[in-house]
Amino acid sequence: MAHRIDGRKLGRKHGPRMALYGNLIVAVLRYEKVKTTEAKAKEIRPQVERMITLAKRGDLAARRMVVAELPDEPLVIRKLFDEIAPKYADRTSGYTRLVHIGQRAGDAAPIVQIELV
């Protein structure tokens, strides 16, 4: 039985997988939409929403938590706290949406666009 198994491995070891997640989260926050596979999008969606929720708090502790989890991207962190978080001040959750685009030509993997609402 596969109880208490959470997350997807995506065919990568822990270090490269965490780097992939961090870079995808930064890309979503920087460009506000990114095309990727459905599995990757479903995996980073809760993390992006957590970053926005932390940024909505706006205090120093929240800023340090965001800096600790994301790669060294001061412009993205500034954008998250100054532009993105105030935009969602009246919303409690559901900051992202997945839009199904189709299948990738090479391996027929489902492609989605993860975007900020």
Protein backbone atom coordinates (compact mmCIF):
# COMPACT_ATOMS: atom_id res chain seq x y z
CA MET A 1 0.00 0.00 0.00
CA ALA A 2 1.24 3.46 -0.84
CA HIS A 3 -0.04 5.35 2.17
CA ARG A 4 1.38 8.77 3.01
CA ILE A 5 3.23 9.05 -0.28
CA ASP A 6 3.04 12.61 -1.49
CA GLY A 7 4.50 14.44 -4.45
CA ARG A 8 5.91 13.44 -7.81
CA LYS A 9 9.51 12.52 -8.48
CA LEU A 10 9.43 13.53 -12.16
CA GLY A 11 12.32 11.19 -12.96
CA ARG A 12 14.82 13.32 -11.03
CA LYS A 13 16.80 13.01 -7.84
CA HIS A 14 16.03 15.32 -4.94
CA GLY A 15 18.51 18.12 -5.69
CA PRO A 16 17.69 18.63 -9.39
CA ARG A 17 13.97 18.31 -8.60
CA MET A 18 14.13 21.06 -5.98
CA ALA A 19 16.09 23.27 -8.40
CA LEU A 20 13.43 22.67 -11.06
CA TYR A 21 10.65 23.61 -8.66
CA GLY A 22 12.43 26.77 -7.55
CA ASN A 23 13.10 27.89 -11.11
CA LEU A 24 9.52 27.18 -12.21
CA ILE A 25 8.12 29.12 -9.25
CA VAL A 26 10.35 32.09 -10.10
CA ALA A 27 9.26 31.89 -13.76
CA VAL A 28 5.57 31.90 -12.81
CA LEU A 29 6.06 34.90 -10.54
CA ARG A 30 8.21 36.77 -13.08
CA TYR A 31 6.16 36.20 -16.24
CA GLU A 32 2.78 35.48 -14.57
CA LYS A 33 2.26 32.51 -16.91
CA VAL A 34 4.39 29.55 -17.96
CA LYS A 35 3.82 26.59 -20.28
CA THR A 36 4.95 23.29 -18.79
CA THR A 37 3.81 19.70 -18.34
CA GLU A 38 0.72 19.02 -16.30
CA ALA A 39 2.61 17.05 -13.65
CA LYS A 40 5.12 19.86 -13.07
CA ALA A 41 2.37 22.48 -12.94
CA LYS A 42 0.33 20.48 -10.45
CA GLU A 43 3.41 20.04 -8.30
CA ILE A 44 4.40 23.73 -8.13
CA ARG A 45 0.89 25.16 -7.85
CA PRO A 46 0.62 24.86 -4.03
CA GLN A 47 4.11 26.30 -3.64
CA VAL A 48 3.31 29.36 -5.77
CA GLU A 49 0.12 29.93 -3.80
CA ARG A 50 2.06 29.62 -0.54
CA MET A 51 4.57 32.25 -1.71
CA ILE A 52 1.73 34.66 -2.54
CA THR A 53 0.06 34.03 0.82
CA LEU A 54 3.34 34.74 2.61
CA ALA A 55 3.83 37.91 0.55
CA LYS A 56 0.34 39.10 1.51
CA ARG A 57 1.47 39.12 5.16
CA GLY A 58 4.19 41.53 4.15
CA ASP A 59 6.24 41.41 7.35
CA LEU A 60 9.96 40.80 7.65
CA ALA A 61 9.56 37.18 8.75
CA ALA A 62 7.42 36.41 5.68
CA ARG A 63 9.97 38.08 3.41
CA ARG A 64 12.76 35.98 4.93
CA MET A 65 10.75 32.79 4.48
CA VAL A 66 10.21 33.60 0.79
CA VAL A 67 13.89 34.45 0.30
CA ALA A 68 14.90 31.17 1.97
CA GLU A 69 12.75 29.07 -0.37
CA LEU A 70 13.38 30.79 -3.71
CA PRO A 71 16.63 31.08 -5.65
CA ASP A 72 18.47 34.39 -5.35
CA GLU A 73 16.09 36.57 -7.38
CA PRO A 74 15.71 39.98 -5.67
CA LEU A 75 13.69 41.50 -8.54
CA VAL A 76 11.15 38.67 -8.47
CA ILE A 77 10.85 38.86 -4.69
CA ARG A 78 10.33 42.61 -4.91
CA LYS A 79 7.68 42.12 -7.59
CA LEU A 80 5.97 39.47 -5.46
CA PHE A 81 5.71 41.75 -2.42
CA ASP A 82 5.05 45.06 -4.20
CA GLU A 83 2.85 44.12 -7.17
CA ILE A 84 1.45 40.60 -6.93
CA ALA A 85 0.50 40.42 -3.24
CA PRO A 86 -1.53 43.67 -3.17
CA LYS A 87 -3.43 42.49 -6.26
CA TYR A 88 -4.73 39.49 -4.25
CA ALA A 89 -5.43 41.33 -0.99
CA ASP A 90 -9.16 40.51 -1.07
CA ARG A 91 -8.70 36.87 -2.17
CA THR A 92 -7.98 34.13 0.37
CA SER A 93 -6.72 31.45 -2.04
CA GLY A 94 -6.92 30.30 -5.63
CA TYR A 95 -4.29 32.60 -7.10
CA THR A 96 -3.35 30.28 -9.98
CA ARG A 97 -5.15 28.52 -12.80
CA LEU A 98 -4.17 25.64 -15.06
CA VAL A 99 -5.23 25.95 -18.70
CA HIS A 100 -4.91 22.77 -20.74
CA ILE A 101 -3.18 23.48 -24.07
CA GLY A 102 -2.74 20.09 -25.67
CA GLN A 103 -0.04 17.48 -26.05
CA ARG A 104 3.65 17.87 -26.70
CA ALA A 105 4.64 16.64 -30.16
CA GLY A 106 7.61 14.51 -29.08
CA ASP A 107 6.16 12.34 -26.33
CA ALA A 108 2.49 13.34 -26.15
CA ALA A 109 2.89 14.69 -22.62
CA PRO A 110 -0.06 16.89 -21.58
CA ILE A 111 0.96 20.55 -21.70
CA VAL A 112 -0.73 23.19 -19.55
CA GLN A 113 -0.25 26.86 -18.92
CA ILE A 114 -0.06 27.79 -15.25
CA GLU A 115 -0.99 31.44 -14.82
CA LEU A 116 -1.86 33.89 -12.09
CA VAL A 117 -5.57 34.67 -11.98
